PDB file of N, CA and C in Angstrom:
ATOM      1  N   UNK A   1       8.998 -23.993  20.643  1.00  0.00           N
ATOM      2  CA  UNK A   1       9.009 -24.872  19.485  1.00  0.00           C
ATOM      3  C   UNK A   1       7.744 -24.632  18.661  1.00  0.00           C
ATOM      4  N   UNK A   2       7.908 -24.477  17.366  1.00  0.00           N
ATOM      5  CA  UNK A   2       6.748 -24.181  16.522  1.00  0.00           C
ATOM      6  C   UNK A   2       6.081 -25.470  16.050  1.00  0.00           C
ATOM      7  N   UNK A   3       4.791 -25.351  15.807  1.00  0.00           N
ATOM      8  CA  UNK A   3       4.011 -26.489  15.312  1.00  0.00           C
ATOM      9  C   UNK A   3       4.368 -26.803  13.876  1.00  0.00           C
ATOM     10  N   UNK A   4       4.287 -28.056  13.515  1.00  0.00           N
ATOM     11  CA  UNK A   4       4.534 -28.441  12.133  1.00  0.00           C
ATOM     12  C   UNK A   4       3.364 -27.960  11.271  1.00  0.00           C
ATOM     13  N   UNK A   5       3.680 -27.372  10.144  1.00  0.00           N
ATOM     14  CA  UNK A   5       2.633 -26.878   9.249  1.00  0.00           C
ATOM     15  C   UNK A   5       2.203 -25.451   9.534  1.00  0.00           C
ATOM     16  N   UNK A   6       2.762 -24.834  10.575  1.00  0.00           N
ATOM     17  CA  UNK A   6       2.417 -23.447  10.902  1.00  0.00           C
ATOM     18  C   UNK A   6       3.477 -22.528  10.317  1.00  0.00           C
ATOM     19  N   UNK A   7       3.087 -21.754   9.286  1.00  0.00           N
ATOM     20  CA  UNK A   7       4.037 -20.868   8.616  1.00  0.00           C
ATOM     21  C   UNK A   7       3.765 -19.425   9.001  1.00  0.00           C
ATOM     22  N   UNK A   8       4.837 -18.669   9.221  1.00  0.00           N
ATOM     23  CA  UNK A   8       4.710 -17.272   9.631  1.00  0.00           C
ATOM     24  C   UNK A   8       4.174 -16.413   8.495  1.00  0.00           C
ATOM     25  N   UNK A   9       3.365 -15.432   8.854  1.00  0.00           N
ATOM     26  CA  UNK A   9       2.846 -14.434   7.917  1.00  0.00           C
ATOM     27  C   UNK A   9       3.372 -13.067   8.344  1.00  0.00           C
ATOM     28  N   UNK A  10       3.739 -12.248   7.374  1.00  0.00           N
ATOM     29  CA  UNK A  10       4.198 -10.890   7.637  1.00  0.00           C
ATOM     30  C   UNK A  10       3.555  -9.953   6.617  1.00  0.00           C
ATOM     31  N   UNK A  11       3.433  -8.685   6.995  1.00  0.00           N
ATOM     32  CA  UNK A  11       2.925  -7.652   6.082  1.00  0.00           C
ATOM     33  C   UNK A  11       4.005  -6.592   5.956  1.00  0.00           C
ATOM     34  N   UNK A  12       4.327  -6.226   4.707  1.00  0.00           N
ATOM     35  CA  UNK A  12       5.375  -5.236   4.491  1.00  0.00           C
ATOM     36  C   UNK A  12       5.185  -4.469   3.200  1.00  0.00           C
ATOM     37  N   UNK A  13       6.179  -3.646   2.881  1.00  0.00           N
ATOM     38  CA  UNK A  13       6.144  -2.777   1.700  1.00  0.00           C
ATOM     39  C   UNK A  13       7.282  -3.182   0.766  1.00  0.00           C
ATOM     40  N   UNK A  14       6.973  -3.260  -0.526  1.00  0.00           N
ATOM     41  CA  UNK A  14       7.988  -3.608  -1.529  1.00  0.00           C
ATOM     42  C   UNK A  14       8.925  -2.415  -1.710  1.00  0.00           C
ATOM     43  N   UNK A  15      10.228  -2.656  -1.504  1.00  0.00           N
ATOM     44  CA  UNK A  15      11.212  -1.580  -1.661  1.00  0.00           C
ATOM     45  C   UNK A  15      12.061  -1.752  -2.915  1.00  0.00           C
ATOM     46  N   UNK A  16      12.049  -2.956  -3.528  1.00  0.00           N
ATOM     47  CA  UNK A  16      12.779  -3.170  -4.772  1.00  0.00           C
ATOM     48  C   UNK A  16      12.105  -4.274  -5.575  1.00  0.00           C
ATOM     49  N   UNK A  17      11.970  -4.030  -6.900  1.00  0.00           N
ATOM     50  CA  UNK A  17      11.390  -5.048  -7.793  1.00  0.00           C
ATOM     51  C   UNK A  17      12.264  -5.235  -9.028  1.00  0.00           C
ATOM     52  N   UNK A  18      13.561  -4.991  -8.891  1.00  0.00           N
ATOM     53  CA  UNK A  18      14.466  -5.013 -10.038  1.00  0.00           C
ATOM     54  C   UNK A  18      14.889  -6.415 -10.457  1.00  0.00           C
ATOM     55  N   UNK A  19      14.757  -7.393  -9.562  1.00  0.00           N
ATOM     56  CA  UNK A  19      15.162  -8.760  -9.903  1.00  0.00           C
ATOM     57  C   UNK A  19      14.025  -9.501 -10.584  1.00  0.00           C
ATOM     58  N   UNK A  20      14.366 -10.566 -11.280  1.00  0.00           N
ATOM     59  CA  UNK A  20      13.359 -11.384 -11.949  1.00  0.00           C
ATOM     60  C   UNK A  20      12.776 -12.384 -10.953  1.00  0.00           C
ATOM     61  N   UNK A  21      11.447 -12.364 -10.802  1.00  0.00           N
ATOM     62  CA  UNK A  21      10.705 -13.247  -9.909  1.00  0.00           C
ATOM     63  C   UNK A  21      11.080 -13.096  -8.434  1.00  0.00           C
ATOM     64  N   UNK A  22      11.679 -11.965  -8.087  1.00  0.00           N
ATOM     65  CA  UNK A  22      12.039 -11.695  -6.697  1.00  0.00           C
ATOM     66  C   UNK A  22      11.786 -10.230  -6.381  1.00  0.00           C
ATOM     67  N   UNK A  23      11.224  -9.974  -5.208  1.00  0.00           N
ATOM     68  CA  UNK A  23      11.070  -8.605  -4.718  1.00  0.00           C
ATOM     69  C   UNK A  23      11.670  -8.535  -3.314  1.00  0.00           C
ATOM     70  N   UNK A  24      12.083  -7.330  -2.928  1.00  0.00           N
ATOM     71  CA  UNK A  24      12.583  -7.114  -1.577  1.00  0.00           C
ATOM     72  C   UNK A  24      11.481  -6.392  -0.804  1.00  0.00           C
ATOM     73  N   UNK A  25      11.099  -6.974   0.347  1.00  0.00           N
ATOM     74  CA  UNK A  25      10.005  -6.443   1.150  1.00  0.00           C
ATOM     75  C   UNK A  25      10.549  -6.010   2.507  1.00  0.00           C
ATOM     76  N   UNK A  26      10.226  -4.776   2.907  1.00  0.00           N
ATOM     77  CA  UNK A  26      10.615  -4.268   4.221  1.00  0.00           C
ATOM     78  C   UNK A  26       9.456  -4.425   5.190  1.00  0.00           C
ATOM     79  N   UNK A  27       9.717  -5.107   6.316  1.00  0.00           N
ATOM     80  CA  UNK A  27       8.713  -5.319   7.349  1.00  0.00           C
ATOM     81  C   UNK A  27       9.121  -4.500   8.573  1.00  0.00           C
ATOM     82  N   UNK A  28       8.240  -3.587   8.996  1.00  0.00           N
ATOM     83  CA  UNK A  28       8.502  -2.736  10.156  1.00  0.00           C
ATOM     84  C   UNK A  28       7.797  -3.278  11.388  1.00  0.00           C
ATOM     85  N   UNK A  29       8.414  -3.041  12.549  1.00  0.00           N
ATOM     86  CA  UNK A  29       7.777  -3.385  13.814  1.00  0.00           C
ATOM     87  C   UNK A  29       8.189  -2.351  14.847  1.00  0.00           C
ATOM     88  N   UNK A  30       7.366  -2.181  15.877  1.00  0.00           N
ATOM     89  CA  UNK A  30       7.657  -1.237  16.947  1.00  0.00           C
ATOM     90  C   UNK A  30       8.170  -1.998  18.161  1.00  0.00           C
ATOM     91  N   UNK A  31       9.294  -1.516  18.731  1.00  0.00           N
ATOM     92  CA  UNK A  31       9.903  -2.141  19.897  1.00  0.00           C
ATOM     93  C   UNK A  31       9.985  -1.097  20.993  1.00  0.00           C
ATOM     94  N   UNK A  32       9.602  -1.484  22.199  1.00  0.00           N
ATOM     95  CA  UNK A  32       9.656  -0.565  23.319  1.00  0.00           C
ATOM     96  C   UNK A  32      11.060  -0.542  23.911  1.00  0.00           C
ATOM     97  N   UNK A  33      11.622   0.653  24.071  1.00  0.00           N
ATOM     98  CA  UNK A  33      12.949   0.791  24.665  1.00  0.00           C
ATOM     99  C   UNK A  33      12.877   0.421  26.141  1.00  0.00           C
ATOM    100  N   UNK A  34      13.831  -0.399  26.603  1.00  0.00           N
ATOM    101  CA  UNK A  34      13.763  -0.934  27.964  1.00  0.00           C
ATOM    102  C   UNK A  34      13.917   0.142  29.042  1.00  0.00           C
ATOM    103  N   UNK A  35      14.735   1.156  28.799  1.00  0.00           N
ATOM    104  CA  UNK A  35      14.960   2.191  29.810  1.00  0.00           C
ATOM    105  C   UNK A  35      14.007   3.371  29.668  1.00  0.00           C
ATOM    106  N   UNK A  36      13.833   3.855  28.447  1.00  0.00           N
ATOM    107  CA  UNK A  36      13.067   5.081  28.234  1.00  0.00           C
ATOM    108  C   UNK A  36      11.604   4.849  27.895  1.00  0.00           C
ATOM    109  N   UNK A  37      11.199   3.631  27.680  1.00  0.00           N
ATOM    110  CA  UNK A  37       9.805   3.263  27.377  1.00  0.00           C
ATOM    111  C   UNK A  37       9.258   3.946  26.132  1.00  0.00           C
ATOM    112  N   UNK A  38      10.151   4.396  25.268  1.00  0.00           N
ATOM    113  CA  UNK A  38       9.733   5.013  24.012  1.00  0.00           C
ATOM    114  C   UNK A  38       9.737   3.935  22.933  1.00  0.00           C
ATOM    115  N   UNK A  39       8.795   4.012  22.005  1.00  0.00           N
ATOM    116  CA  UNK A  39       8.719   3.021  20.938  1.00  0.00           C
ATOM    117  C   UNK A  39       9.654   3.390  19.786  1.00  0.00           C
ATOM    118  N   UNK A  40      10.432   2.413  19.343  1.00  0.00           N
ATOM    119  CA  UNK A  40      11.404   2.598  18.271  1.00  0.00           C
ATOM    120  C   UNK A  40      10.987   1.733  17.098  1.00  0.00           C
ATOM    121  N   UNK A  41      11.074   2.280  15.890  1.00  0.00           N
ATOM    122  CA  UNK A  41      10.733   1.503  14.699  1.00  0.00           C
ATOM    123  C   UNK A  41      11.950   0.695  14.264  1.00  0.00           C
ATOM    124  N   UNK A  42      11.778  -0.609  14.171  1.00  0.00           N
ATOM    125  CA  UNK A  42      12.817  -1.516  13.677  1.00  0.00           C
ATOM    126  C   UNK A  42      12.301  -2.151  12.397  1.00  0.00           C
ATOM    127  N   UNK A  43      13.196  -2.332  11.423  1.00  0.00           N
ATOM    128  CA  UNK A  43      12.760  -2.939  10.171  1.00  0.00           C
ATOM    129  C   UNK A  43      13.739  -4.012   9.730  1.00  0.00           C
ATOM    130  N   UNK A  44      13.234  -4.959   8.962  1.00  0.00           N
ATOM    131  CA  UNK A  44      14.046  -6.028   8.397  1.00  0.00           C
ATOM    132  C   UNK A  44      13.596  -6.227   6.954  1.00  0.00           C
ATOM    133  N   UNK A  45      14.550  -6.555   6.075  1.00  0.00           N
ATOM    134  CA  UNK A  45      14.224  -6.746   4.660  1.00  0.00           C
ATOM    135  C   UNK A  45      14.295  -8.222   4.303  1.00  0.00           C
ATOM    136  N   UNK A  46      13.286  -8.711   3.612  1.00  0.00           N
ATOM    137  CA  UNK A  46      13.231 -10.104   3.158  1.00  0.00           C
ATOM    138  C   UNK A  46      13.203 -10.145   1.636  1.00  0.00           C
ATOM    139  N   UNK A  47      13.886 -11.140   1.066  1.00  0.00           N
ATOM    140  CA  UNK A  47      13.747 -11.405  -0.362  1.00  0.00           C
ATOM    141  C   UNK A  47      12.590 -12.381  -0.517  1.00  0.00           C
ATOM    142  N   UNK A  48      11.647 -12.021  -1.389  1.00  0.00           N
ATOM    143  CA  UNK A  48      10.382 -12.749  -1.524  1.00  0.00           C
ATOM    144  C   UNK A  48      10.216 -13.226  -2.956  1.00  0.00           C
ATOM    145  N   UNK A  49       9.778 -14.477  -3.116  1.00  0.00           N
ATOM    146  CA  UNK A  49       9.544 -15.045  -4.442  1.00  0.00           C
ATOM    147  C   UNK A  49       8.216 -14.543  -4.987  1.00  0.00           C
ATOM    148  N   UNK A  50       8.267 -13.914  -6.156  1.00  0.00           N
ATOM    149  CA  UNK A  50       7.081 -13.376  -6.834  1.00  0.00           C
ATOM    150  C   UNK A  50       7.041 -14.007  -8.231  1.00  0.00           C
ATOM    151  N   UNK A  51       6.349 -15.117  -8.366  1.00  0.00           N
ATOM    152  CA  UNK A  51       6.354 -15.933  -9.586  1.00  0.00           C
ATOM    153  C   UNK A  51       5.928 -15.164 -10.824  1.00  0.00           C
ATOM    154  N   UNK A  52       4.900 -14.310 -10.700  1.00  0.00           N
ATOM    155  CA  UNK A  52       4.336 -13.621 -11.872  1.00  0.00           C
ATOM    156  C   UNK A  52       4.887 -12.218 -12.076  1.00  0.00           C
ATOM    157  N   UNK A  53       5.852 -11.803 -11.279  1.00  0.00           N
ATOM    158  CA  UNK A  53       6.387 -10.432 -11.325  1.00  0.00           C
ATOM    159  C   UNK A  53       5.259  -9.400 -11.229  1.00  0.00           C
ATOM    160  N   UNK A  54       4.322  -9.623 -10.316  1.00  0.00           N
ATOM    161  CA  UNK A  54       3.139  -8.767 -10.221  1.00  0.00           C
ATOM    162  C   UNK A  54       3.319  -7.579  -9.283  1.00  0.00           C
ATOM    163  N   UNK A  55       4.319  -7.595  -8.417  1.00  0.00           N
ATOM    164  CA  UNK A  55       4.525  -6.510  -7.449  1.00  0.00           C
ATOM    165  C   UNK A  55       5.311  -5.360  -8.048  1.00  0.00           C
ATOM    166  N   UNK A  56       4.963  -4.168  -7.620  1.00  0.00           N
ATOM    167  CA  UNK A  56       5.697  -2.970  -7.986  1.00  0.00           C
ATOM    168  C   UNK A  56       6.178  -2.282  -6.711  1.00  0.00           C
ATOM    169  N   UNK A  57       7.139  -1.378  -6.857  1.00  0.00           N
ATOM    170  CA  UNK A  57       7.648  -0.657  -5.692  1.00  0.00           C
ATOM    171  C   UNK A  57       6.535   0.124  -5.001  1.00  0.00           C
ATOM    172  N   UNK A  58       6.496   0.045  -3.667  1.00  0.00           N
ATOM    173  CA  UNK A  58       5.501   0.774  -2.894  1.00  0.00           C
ATOM    174  C   UNK A  58       4.261  -0.037  -2.563  1.00  0.00           C
ATOM    175  N   UNK A  59       4.075  -1.195  -3.199  1.00  0.00           N
ATOM    176  CA  UNK A  59       2.913  -2.038  -2.910  1.00  0.00           C
ATOM    177  C   UNK A  59       3.001  -2.592  -1.491  1.00  0.00           C
ATOM    178  N   UNK A  60       1.842  -2.698  -0.846  1.00  0.00           N
ATOM    179  CA  UNK A  60       1.758  -3.325   0.474  1.00  0.00           C
ATOM    180  C   UNK A  60       1.371  -4.783   0.245  1.00  0.00           C
ATOM    181  N   UNK A  61       2.186  -5.718   0.756  1.00  0.00           N
ATOM    182  CA  UNK A  61       1.990  -7.131   0.455  1.00  0.00           C
ATOM    183  C   UNK A  61       1.995  -7.982   1.719  1.00  0.00           C
ATOM    184  N   UNK A  62       1.381  -9.155   1.597  1.00  0.00           N
ATOM    185  CA  UNK A  62       1.438 -10.157   2.665  1.00  0.00           C
ATOM    186  C   UNK A  62       2.327 -11.288   2.171  1.00  0.00           C
ATOM    187  N   UNK A  63       3.288 -11.699   3.009  1.00  0.00           N
ATOM    188  CA  UNK A  63       4.219 -12.758   2.627  1.00  0.00           C
ATOM    189  C   UNK A  63       4.108 -13.917   3.610  1.00  0.00           C
ATOM    190  N   UNK A  64       4.469 -15.115   3.129  1.00  0.00           N
ATOM    191  CA  UNK A  64       4.372 -16.319   3.941  1.00  0.00           C
ATOM    192  C   UNK A  64       5.693 -17.076   3.878  1.00  0.00           C
ATOM    193  N   UNK A  65       6.070 -17.641   5.000  1.00  0.00           N
ATOM    194  CA  UNK A  65       7.324 -18.377   5.104  1.00  0.00           C
ATOM    195  C   UNK A  65       7.257 -19.659   4.280  1.00  0.00           C
ATOM    196  N   UNK A  66       8.390 -20.047   3.674  1.00  0.00           N
ATOM    197  CA  UNK A  66       8.425 -21.279   2.873  1.00  0.00           C
ATOM    198  C   UNK A  66       9.801 -21.919   2.993  1.00  0.00           C
ATOM    199  N   UNK A  67       9.982 -23.000   2.283  1.00  0.00           N
ATOM    200  CA  UNK A  67      11.283 -23.676   2.278  1.00  0.00           C
ATOM    201  C   UNK A  67      12.306 -22.786   1.585  1.00  0.00           C
ATOM    202  N   UNK A  68      13.604 -23.004   1.822  1.00  0.00           N
ATOM    203  CA  UNK A  68      14.609 -22.201   1.136  1.00  0.00           C
ATOM    204  C   UNK A  68      14.549 -22.378  -0.379  1.00  0.00           C
ATOM    205  N   UNK A  69      14.407 -21.263  -1.103  1.00  0.00           N
ATOM    206  CA  UNK A  69      14.333 -21.287  -2.559  1.00  0.00           C
ATOM    207  C   UNK A  69      15.673 -20.922  -3.194  1.00  0.00           C
ATOM    208  N   UNK A  70      16.511 -20.204  -2.453  1.00  0.00           N
ATOM    209  CA  UNK A  70      17.859 -19.851  -2.904  1.00  0.00           C
ATOM    210  C   UNK A  70      18.668 -19.517  -1.658  1.00  0.00           C
ATOM    211  N   UNK A  71      19.819 -18.918  -1.851  1.00  0.00           N
ATOM    212  CA  UNK A  71      20.675 -18.561  -0.709  1.00  0.00           C
ATOM    213  C   UNK A  71      19.963 -17.622   0.266  1.00  0.00           C
ATOM    214  N   UNK A  72      19.205 -16.654  -0.248  1.00  0.00           N
ATOM    215  CA  UNK A  72      18.553 -15.646   0.592  1.00  0.00           C
ATOM    216  C   UNK A  72      17.031 -15.749   0.655  1.00  0.00           C
ATOM    217  N   UNK A  73      16.396 -16.395  -0.321  1.00  0.00           N
ATOM    218  CA  UNK A  73      14.931 -16.405  -0.395  1.00  0.00           C
ATOM    219  C   UNK A  73      14.316 -17.506   0.455  1.00  0.00           C
ATOM    220  N   UNK A  74      13.496 -17.086   1.446  1.00  0.00           N
ATOM    221  CA  UNK A  74      12.768 -18.030   2.288  1.00  0.00           C
ATOM    222  C   UNK A  74      11.306 -17.625   2.461  1.00  0.00           C
ATOM    223  N   UNK A  75      10.831 -16.730   1.615  1.00  0.00           N
ATOM    224  CA  UNK A  75       9.459 -16.217   1.710  1.00  0.00           C
ATOM    225  C   UNK A  75       8.805 -16.244   0.338  1.00  0.00           C
ATOM    226  N   UNK A  76       7.477 -16.458   0.332  1.00  0.00           N
ATOM    227  CA  UNK A  76       6.659 -16.424  -0.879  1.00  0.00           C
ATOM    228  C   UNK A  76       5.654 -15.291  -0.765  1.00  0.00           C
ATOM    229  N   UNK A  77       5.273 -14.729  -1.901  1.00  0.00           N
ATOM    230  CA  UNK A  77       4.221 -13.720  -1.930  1.00  0.00           C
ATOM    231  C   UNK A  77       2.881 -14.410  -1.759  1.00  0.00           C
ATOM    232  N   UNK A  78       2.086 -13.966  -0.772  1.00  0.00           N
ATOM    233  CA  UNK A  78       0.756 -14.544  -0.585  1.00  0.00           C
ATOM    234  C   UNK A  78      -0.293 -13.715  -1.310  1.00  0.00           C
ATOM    235  N   UNK A  79      -0.282 -12.390  -1.062  1.00  0.00           N
ATOM    236  CA  UNK A  79      -1.242 -11.524  -1.750  1.00  0.00           C
ATOM    237  C   UNK A  79      -0.762 -10.085  -1.719  1.00  0.00           C
ATOM    238  N   UNK A  80      -1.277  -9.310  -2.676  1.00  0.00           N
ATOM    239  CA  UNK A  80      -1.026  -7.869  -2.694  1.00  0.00           C
ATOM    240  C   UNK A  80      -2.212  -7.217  -1.982  1.00  0.00           C
ATOM    241  N   UNK A  81      -1.937  -6.557  -0.876  1.00  0.00           N
ATOM    242  CA  UNK A  81      -2.998  -5.942  -0.073  1.00  0.00           C
ATOM    243  C   UNK A  81      -3.423  -4.609  -0.682  1.00  0.00           C
ATOM    244  N   UNK A  82      -2.421  -3.787  -1.018  1.00  0.00           N
ATOM    245  CA  UNK A  82      -2.701  -2.451  -1.557  1.00  0.00           C
ATOM    246  C   UNK A  82      -1.705  -2.169  -2.663  1.00  0.00           C
ATOM    247  N   UNK A  83      -2.206  -1.842  -3.833  1.00  0.00           N
ATOM    248  CA  UNK A  83      -1.358  -1.558  -4.977  1.00  0.00           C
ATOM    249  C   UNK A  83      -1.263  -0.051  -5.192  1.00  0.00           C
ATOM    250  N   UNK A  84      -0.080   0.427  -5.503  1.00  0.00           N
ATOM    251  CA  UNK A  84       0.147   1.863  -5.699  1.00  0.00           C
ATOM    252  C   UNK A  84      -0.348   2.345  -7.054  1.00  0.00           C
ATOM    253  N   UNK A  85      -0.139   1.551  -8.107  1.00  0.00           N
ATOM    254  CA  UNK A  85      -0.480   2.010  -9.452  1.00  0.00           C
ATOM    255  C   UNK A  85      -1.946   2.090  -9.738  1.00  0.00           C
TER     256      UNK A  85
END
């Protein structure tokens, strides 16, 4: 059970910025295979609210969990860690 007021943070890469005030961020993680003990890269894509349309494709960003903003959006942009342009 998670604590009240504790919101998850993730770091990922912007893969799409075509929507207005929304970007798609891919978050990668490494998972160890149970039988072969080899690490496998797994990724998940989140729709993230970007109020100022400041993110561009390829930017490395930090996102924070928030209340549902639409059918798919449950994350807010916290900061841009590394900008490509």
